[in-house]
PDB file of N, CA and C in Angstrom:
ATOM      1  N   UNK A   1       0.831  -1.177   0.010  1.00  0.00           N
ATOM      2  CA  UNK A   1       0.006   0.023   0.007  1.00  0.00           C
ATOM      3  C   UNK A   1       0.870   1.257   0.009  1.00  0.00           C
ATOM      4  N   UNK A   2       1.942   1.216   0.775  1.00  0.00           N
ATOM      5  CA  UNK A   2       2.853   2.362   0.817  1.00  0.00           C
ATOM      6  C   UNK A   2       3.465   2.645  -0.537  1.00  0.00           C
ATOM      7  N   UNK A   3       3.870   1.598  -1.260  1.00  0.00           N
ATOM      8  CA  UNK A   3       4.465   1.797  -2.600  1.00  0.00           C
ATOM      9  C   UNK A   3       3.492   2.420  -3.584  1.00  0.00           C
ATOM     10  N   UNK A   4       2.238   2.234  -3.379  1.00  0.00           N
ATOM     11  CA  UNK A   4       1.179   2.765  -4.306  1.00  0.00           C
ATOM     12  C   UNK A   4       0.598   4.063  -3.838  1.00  0.00           C
ATOM     13  N   UNK A   5       1.151   4.607  -2.703  1.00  0.00           N
ATOM     14  CA  UNK A   5       0.649   5.898  -2.207  1.00  0.00           C
ATOM     15  C   UNK A   5      -0.698   5.843  -1.543  1.00  0.00           C
ATOM     16  N   UNK A   6      -1.048   4.704  -1.026  1.00  0.00           N
ATOM     17  CA  UNK A   6      -2.331   4.509  -0.338  1.00  0.00           C
ATOM     18  C   UNK A   6      -2.076   4.866   1.134  1.00  0.00           C
ATOM     19  N   UNK A   7      -2.668   5.954   1.568  1.00  0.00           N
ATOM     20  CA  UNK A   7      -2.464   6.454   2.940  1.00  0.00           C
ATOM     21  C   UNK A   7      -3.212   5.684   3.998  1.00  0.00           C
ATOM     22  N   UNK A   8      -4.334   5.099   3.630  1.00  0.00           N
ATOM     23  CA  UNK A   8      -5.144   4.327   4.580  1.00  0.00           C
ATOM     24  C   UNK A   8      -5.725   3.137   3.833  1.00  0.00           C
ATOM     25  N   UNK A   9      -5.570   1.987   4.334  1.00  0.00           N
ATOM     26  CA  UNK A   9      -6.138   0.795   3.723  1.00  0.00           C
ATOM     27  C   UNK A   9      -6.162  -0.324   4.710  1.00  0.00           C
ATOM     28  N   UNK A  10      -6.766  -1.408   4.299  1.00  0.00           N
ATOM     29  CA  UNK A  10      -6.812  -2.568   5.211  1.00  0.00           C
ATOM     30  C   UNK A  10      -6.886  -3.835   4.366  1.00  0.00           C
ATOM     31  N   UNK A  11      -6.470  -4.941   4.954  1.00  0.00           N
ATOM     32  CA  UNK A  11      -6.594  -6.256   4.344  1.00  0.00           C
ATOM     33  C   UNK A  11      -7.591  -6.994   5.200  1.00  0.00           C
ATOM     34  N   UNK A  12      -8.633  -7.493   4.619  1.00  0.00           N
ATOM     35  CA  UNK A  12      -9.674  -8.172   5.393  1.00  0.00           C
ATOM     36  C   UNK A  12      -9.501  -9.681   5.242  1.00  0.00           C
ATOM     37  N   UNK A  13      -9.629 -10.344   6.303  1.00  0.00           N
ATOM     38  CA  UNK A  13      -9.529 -11.807   6.345  1.00  0.00           C
ATOM     39  C   UNK A  13     -10.828 -12.389   6.862  1.00  0.00           C
ATOM     40  N   UNK A  14     -11.757 -12.681   5.966  1.00  0.00           N
ATOM     41  CA  UNK A  14     -13.017 -13.245   6.411  1.00  0.00           C
ATOM     42  C   UNK A  14     -12.789 -14.641   7.042  1.00  0.00           C
ATOM     43  N   UNK A  15     -13.386 -14.857   8.189  1.00  0.00           N
ATOM     44  CA  UNK A  15     -13.345 -16.170   8.804  1.00  0.00           C
ATOM     45  C   UNK A  15     -14.791 -16.559   9.131  1.00  0.00           C
ATOM     46  N   UNK A  16     -15.262 -17.603   8.443  1.00  0.00           N
ATOM     47  CA  UNK A  16     -16.595 -18.096   8.645  1.00  0.00           C
ATOM     48  C   UNK A  16     -16.487 -19.326   9.532  1.00  0.00           C
ATOM     49  N   UNK A  17     -17.568 -19.627  10.221  1.00  0.00           N
ATOM     50  CA  UNK A  17     -17.616 -20.794  11.085  1.00  0.00           C
ATOM     51  C   UNK A  17     -18.900 -21.574  10.780  1.00  0.00           C
ATOM     52  N   UNK A  18     -18.751 -22.861  10.522  1.00  0.00           N
ATOM     53  CA  UNK A  18     -19.918 -23.709  10.348  1.00  0.00           C
ATOM     54  C   UNK A  18     -20.505 -24.054  11.698  1.00  0.00           C
ATOM     55  N   UNK A  19     -21.747 -23.685  11.893  1.00  0.00           N
ATOM     56  CA  UNK A  19     -22.397 -23.955  13.174  1.00  0.00           C
ATOM     57  C   UNK A  19     -22.706 -25.430  13.359  1.00  0.00           C
ATOM     58  N   UNK A  20     -22.650 -26.215  12.300  1.00  0.00           N
ATOM     59  CA  UNK A  20     -22.960 -27.632  12.365  1.00  0.00           C
ATOM     60  C   UNK A  20     -21.744 -28.449  12.829  1.00  0.00           C
ATOM     61  N   UNK A  21     -20.606 -28.252  12.151  1.00  0.00           N
ATOM     62  CA  UNK A  21     -19.422 -29.109  12.465  1.00  0.00           C
ATOM     63  C   UNK A  21     -18.249 -28.328  13.035  1.00  0.00           C
ATOM     64  N   UNK A  22     -18.295 -26.972  13.035  1.00  0.00           N
ATOM     65  CA  UNK A  22     -17.253 -26.198  13.606  1.00  0.00           C
ATOM     66  C   UNK A  22     -16.111 -25.807  12.669  1.00  0.00           C
ATOM     67  N   UNK A  23     -16.173 -26.188  11.397  1.00  0.00           N
ATOM     68  CA  UNK A  23     -15.162 -25.805  10.409  1.00  0.00           C
ATOM     69  C   UNK A  23     -14.995 -24.320  10.394  1.00  0.00           C
ATOM     70  N   UNK A  24     -13.761 -23.837  10.331  1.00  0.00           N
ATOM     71  CA  UNK A  24     -13.466 -22.396  10.212  1.00  0.00           C
ATOM     72  C   UNK A  24     -12.640 -22.146   8.962  1.00  0.00           C
ATOM     73  N   UNK A  25     -13.052 -21.142   8.216  1.00  0.00           N
ATOM     74  CA  UNK A  25     -12.376 -20.762   7.004  1.00  0.00           C
ATOM     75  C   UNK A  25     -13.291 -19.928   6.160  1.00  0.00           C
ATOM     76  N   UNK A  26     -12.930 -19.688   4.908  1.00  0.00           N
ATOM     77  CA  UNK A  26     -13.826 -18.968   4.025  1.00  0.00           C
ATOM     78  C   UNK A  26     -14.827 -19.970   3.487  1.00  0.00           C
ATOM     79  N   UNK A  27     -16.101 -19.772   3.764  1.00  0.00           N
ATOM     80  CA  UNK A  27     -17.153 -20.658   3.340  1.00  0.00           C
ATOM     81  C   UNK A  27     -18.066 -19.906   2.349  1.00  0.00           C
ATOM     82  N   UNK A  28     -18.280 -20.382   1.198  1.00  0.00           N
ATOM     83  CA  UNK A  28     -19.114 -19.694   0.213  1.00  0.00           C
ATOM     84  C   UNK A  28     -20.579 -20.022   0.441  1.00  0.00           C
ATOM     85  N   UNK A  29     -21.138 -21.006  -0.202  1.00  0.00           N
ATOM     86  CA  UNK A  29     -22.530 -21.324  -0.034  1.00  0.00           C
ATOM     87  C   UNK A  29     -22.789 -22.338   1.072  1.00  0.00           C
ATOM     88  N   UNK A  30     -21.967 -23.365   1.073  1.00  0.00           N
ATOM     89  CA  UNK A  30     -22.143 -24.483   2.006  1.00  0.00           C
ATOM     90  C   UNK A  30     -20.792 -24.851   2.631  1.00  0.00           C
ATOM     91  N   UNK A  31     -20.842 -25.425   3.814  1.00  0.00           N
ATOM     92  CA  UNK A  31     -19.622 -25.854   4.449  1.00  0.00           C
ATOM     93  C   UNK A  31     -18.953 -26.938   3.574  1.00  0.00           C
ATOM     94  N   UNK A  32     -17.642 -26.847   3.332  1.00  0.00           N
ATOM     95  CA  UNK A  32     -16.970 -27.833   2.474  1.00  0.00           C
ATOM     96  C   UNK A  32     -16.808 -29.150   3.178  1.00  0.00           C
ATOM     97  N   UNK A  33     -17.018 -29.219   4.475  1.00  0.00           N
ATOM     98  CA  UNK A  33     -16.852 -30.479   5.227  1.00  0.00           C
ATOM     99  C   UNK A  33     -18.201 -31.235   5.327  1.00  0.00           C
ATOM    100  N   UNK A  34     -19.236 -30.526   5.807  1.00  0.00           N
ATOM    101  CA  UNK A  34     -20.508 -31.209   6.083  1.00  0.00           C
ATOM    102  C   UNK A  34     -21.667 -30.773   5.220  1.00  0.00           C
ATOM    103  N   UNK A  35     -21.444 -29.795   4.347  1.00  0.00           N
ATOM    104  CA  UNK A  35     -22.432 -29.240   3.422  1.00  0.00           C
ATOM    105  C   UNK A  35     -23.571 -28.471   4.105  1.00  0.00           C
ATOM    106  N   UNK A  36     -23.374 -28.100   5.362  1.00  0.00           N
ATOM    107  CA  UNK A  36     -24.386 -27.304   6.057  1.00  0.00           C
ATOM    108  C   UNK A  36     -24.428 -25.884   5.483  1.00  0.00           C
ATOM    109  N   UNK A  37     -25.596 -25.284   5.498  1.00  0.00           N
ATOM    110  CA  UNK A  37     -25.749 -23.859   5.168  1.00  0.00           C
ATOM    111  C   UNK A  37     -25.929 -22.999   6.394  1.00  0.00           C
ATOM    112  N   UNK A  38     -25.760 -23.590   7.589  1.00  0.00           N
ATOM    113  CA  UNK A  38     -25.869 -22.868   8.839  1.00  0.00           C
ATOM    114  C   UNK A  38     -24.492 -22.294   9.211  1.00  0.00           C
ATOM    115  N   UNK A  39     -24.200 -21.130   8.641  1.00  0.00           N
ATOM    116  CA  UNK A  39     -22.889 -20.544   8.716  1.00  0.00           C
ATOM    117  C   UNK A  39     -22.897 -19.169   9.434  1.00  0.00           C
ATOM    118  N   UNK A  40     -21.970 -18.941  10.348  1.00  0.00           N
ATOM    119  CA  UNK A  40     -21.748 -17.646  10.936  1.00  0.00           C
ATOM    120  C   UNK A  40     -20.649 -16.982  10.185  1.00  0.00           C
ATOM    121  N   UNK A  41     -20.936 -15.842   9.604  1.00  0.00           N
ATOM    122  CA  UNK A  41     -19.965 -15.125   8.773  1.00  0.00           C
ATOM    123  C   UNK A  41     -19.399 -13.929   9.512  1.00  0.00           C
ATOM    124  N   UNK A  42     -18.073 -13.859   9.577  1.00  0.00           N
ATOM    125  CA  UNK A  42     -17.369 -12.748  10.215  1.00  0.00           C
ATOM    126  C   UNK A  42     -16.830 -11.860   9.113  1.00  0.00           C
ATOM    127  N   UNK A  43     -17.198 -10.579   9.118  1.00  0.00           N
ATOM    128  CA  UNK A  43     -16.743  -9.669   8.084  1.00  0.00           C
ATOM    129  C   UNK A  43     -16.374  -8.297   8.723  1.00  0.00           C
ATOM    130  N   UNK A  44     -15.521  -7.557   8.017  1.00  0.00           N
ATOM    131  CA  UNK A  44     -15.234  -6.178   8.437  1.00  0.00           C
ATOM    132  C   UNK A  44     -16.090  -5.266   7.536  1.00  0.00           C
ATOM    133  N   UNK A  45     -16.853  -4.404   8.140  1.00  0.00           N
ATOM    134  CA  UNK A  45     -17.676  -3.476   7.354  1.00  0.00           C
ATOM    135  C   UNK A  45     -17.504  -2.096   7.957  1.00  0.00           C
ATOM    136  N   UNK A  46     -17.209  -1.137   7.124  1.00  0.00           N
ATOM    137  CA  UNK A  46     -16.975   0.258   7.524  1.00  0.00           C
ATOM    138  C   UNK A  46     -16.061   0.330   8.783  1.00  0.00           C
ATOM    139  N   UNK A  47     -15.015  -0.484   8.761  1.00  0.00           N
ATOM    140  CA  UNK A  47     -14.003  -0.426   9.826  1.00  0.00           C
ATOM    141  C   UNK A  47     -14.292  -1.264  11.048  1.00  0.00           C
ATOM    142  N   UNK A  48     -15.409  -1.971  11.117  1.00  0.00           N
ATOM    143  CA  UNK A  48     -15.723  -2.746  12.291  1.00  0.00           C
ATOM    144  C   UNK A  48     -15.869  -4.235  11.928  1.00  0.00           C
ATOM    145  N   UNK A  49     -15.313  -5.098  12.773  1.00  0.00           N
ATOM    146  CA  UNK A  49     -15.587  -6.538  12.574  1.00  0.00           C
ATOM    147  C   UNK A  49     -16.982  -6.844  13.049  1.00  0.00           C
ATOM    148  N   UNK A  50     -17.689  -7.615  12.321  1.00  0.00           N
ATOM    149  CA  UNK A  50     -19.023  -7.979  12.708  1.00  0.00           C
ATOM    150  C   UNK A  50     -19.357  -9.378  12.283  1.00  0.00           C
ATOM    151  N   UNK A  51     -20.207 -10.037  12.996  1.00  0.00           N
ATOM    152  CA  UNK A  51     -20.658 -11.381  12.651  1.00  0.00           C
ATOM    153  C   UNK A  51     -21.967 -11.333  11.876  1.00  0.00           C
ATOM    154  N   UNK A  52     -22.833 -12.206  12.144  1.00  0.00           N
ATOM    155  CA  UNK A  52     -24.140 -12.406  11.533  1.00  0.00           C
ATOM    156  C   UNK A  52     -24.622 -11.230  10.669  1.00  0.00           C
ATOM    157  N   UNK A  53     -24.604 -11.451   9.359  1.00  0.00           N
ATOM    158  CA  UNK A  53     -24.945 -10.392   8.420  1.00  0.00           C
ATOM    159  C   UNK A  53     -26.435  -9.955   8.515  1.00  0.00           C
ATOM    160  N   UNK A  54     -27.256 -10.772   9.167  1.00  0.00           N
ATOM    161  CA  UNK A  54     -28.685 -10.420   9.248  1.00  0.00           C
ATOM    162  C   UNK A  54     -28.945  -9.164  10.010  1.00  0.00           C
ATOM    163  N   UNK A  55     -27.997  -8.718  10.797  1.00  0.00           N
ATOM    164  CA  UNK A  55     -28.218  -7.495  11.598  1.00  0.00           C
ATOM    165  C   UNK A  55     -27.793  -6.233  10.823  1.00  0.00           C
ATOM    166  N   UNK A  56     -27.233  -6.378   9.655  1.00  0.00           N
ATOM    167  CA  UNK A  56     -26.779  -5.230   8.873  1.00  0.00           C
ATOM    168  C   UNK A  56     -27.930  -4.515   8.219  1.00  0.00           C
ATOM    169  N   UNK A  57     -27.833  -3.226   8.050  1.00  0.00           N
ATOM    170  CA  UNK A  57     -28.841  -2.469   7.314  1.00  0.00           C
ATOM    171  C   UNK A  57     -28.579  -2.677   5.811  1.00  0.00           C
ATOM    172  N   UNK A  58     -29.485  -2.183   5.011  1.00  0.00           N
ATOM    173  CA  UNK A  58     -29.418  -2.452   3.557  1.00  0.00           C
ATOM    174  C   UNK A  58     -28.151  -1.837   2.935  1.00  0.00           C
ATOM    175  N   UNK A  59     -27.681  -0.711   3.419  1.00  0.00           N
ATOM    176  CA  UNK A  59     -26.478  -0.081   2.831  1.00  0.00           C
ATOM    177  C   UNK A  59     -25.263  -0.927   3.145  1.00  0.00           C
ATOM    178  N   UNK A  60     -25.153  -1.441   4.344  1.00  0.00           N
ATOM    179  CA  UNK A  60     -23.996  -2.286   4.698  1.00  0.00           C
ATOM    180  C   UNK A  60     -24.027  -3.597   3.920  1.00  0.00           C
ATOM    181  N   UNK A  61     -25.229  -4.171   3.730  1.00  0.00           N
ATOM    182  CA  UNK A  61     -25.358  -5.396   2.932  1.00  0.00           C
ATOM    183  C   UNK A  61     -24.937  -5.149   1.505  1.00  0.00           C
ATOM    184  N   UNK A  62     -25.332  -4.008   0.966  1.00  0.00           N
ATOM    185  CA  UNK A  62     -24.986  -3.661  -0.438  1.00  0.00           C
ATOM    186  C   UNK A  62     -23.472  -3.508  -0.548  1.00  0.00           C
ATOM    187  N   UNK A  63     -22.822  -2.900   0.435  1.00  0.00           N
ATOM    188  CA  UNK A  63     -21.384  -2.728   0.401  1.00  0.00           C
ATOM    189  C   UNK A  63     -20.708  -4.089   0.379  1.00  0.00           C
ATOM    190  N   UNK A  64     -21.140  -5.018   1.193  1.00  0.00           N
ATOM    191  CA  UNK A  64     -20.560  -6.349   1.215  1.00  0.00           C
ATOM    192  C   UNK A  64     -20.771  -7.064  -0.107  1.00  0.00           C
ATOM    193  N   UNK A  65     -21.914  -6.936  -0.704  1.00  0.00           N
ATOM    194  CA  UNK A  65     -22.228  -7.596  -1.979  1.00  0.00           C
ATOM    195  C   UNK A  65     -21.392  -7.017  -3.123  1.00  0.00           C
ATOM    196  N   UNK A  66     -21.081  -5.717  -3.053  1.00  0.00           N
ATOM    197  CA  UNK A  66     -20.341  -5.059  -4.139  1.00  0.00           C
ATOM    198  C   UNK A  66     -18.816  -5.292  -4.066  1.00  0.00           C
ATOM    199  N   UNK A  67     -18.372  -5.850  -2.999  1.00  0.00           N
ATOM    200  CA  UNK A  67     -16.898  -6.045  -2.865  1.00  0.00           C
ATOM    201  C   UNK A  67     -16.393  -7.017  -3.885  1.00  0.00           C
ATOM    202  N   UNK A  68     -15.148  -6.771  -4.316  1.00  0.00           N
ATOM    203  CA  UNK A  68     -14.455  -7.675  -5.207  1.00  0.00           C
ATOM    204  C   UNK A  68     -13.666  -8.649  -4.345  1.00  0.00           C
ATOM    205  N   UNK A  69     -13.904  -9.928  -4.564  1.00  0.00           N
ATOM    206  CA  UNK A  69     -13.171 -10.950  -3.825  1.00  0.00           C
ATOM    207  C   UNK A  69     -11.934 -11.360  -4.598  1.00  0.00           C
ATOM    208  N   UNK A  70     -10.760 -11.232  -4.003  1.00  0.00           N
ATOM    209  CA  UNK A  70      -9.507 -11.635  -4.609  1.00  0.00           C
ATOM    210  C   UNK A  70      -9.096 -12.960  -4.023  1.00  0.00           C
ATOM    211  N   UNK A  71      -8.714 -13.901  -4.836  1.00  0.00           N
ATOM    212  CA  UNK A  71      -8.339 -15.198  -4.228  1.00  0.00           C
ATOM    213  C   UNK A  71      -7.238 -15.859  -4.907  1.00  0.00           C
TER     214      UNK A  71
END
């Protein structure tokens, strides 16, 4: 970031947890271990770490949906 002249930035590391089997990692639609869709998603939004996306307002949900995922 410094080399590119970015004065403020962050690297986000999403860590999801499967509530069924306890697997931790990036989970897309279903847990890769047990195929459960009962997932707790941890994300950083507007500078704050937060879990369960269901508590986010529509603007925060739109921000998360618009993000580009690099992998």
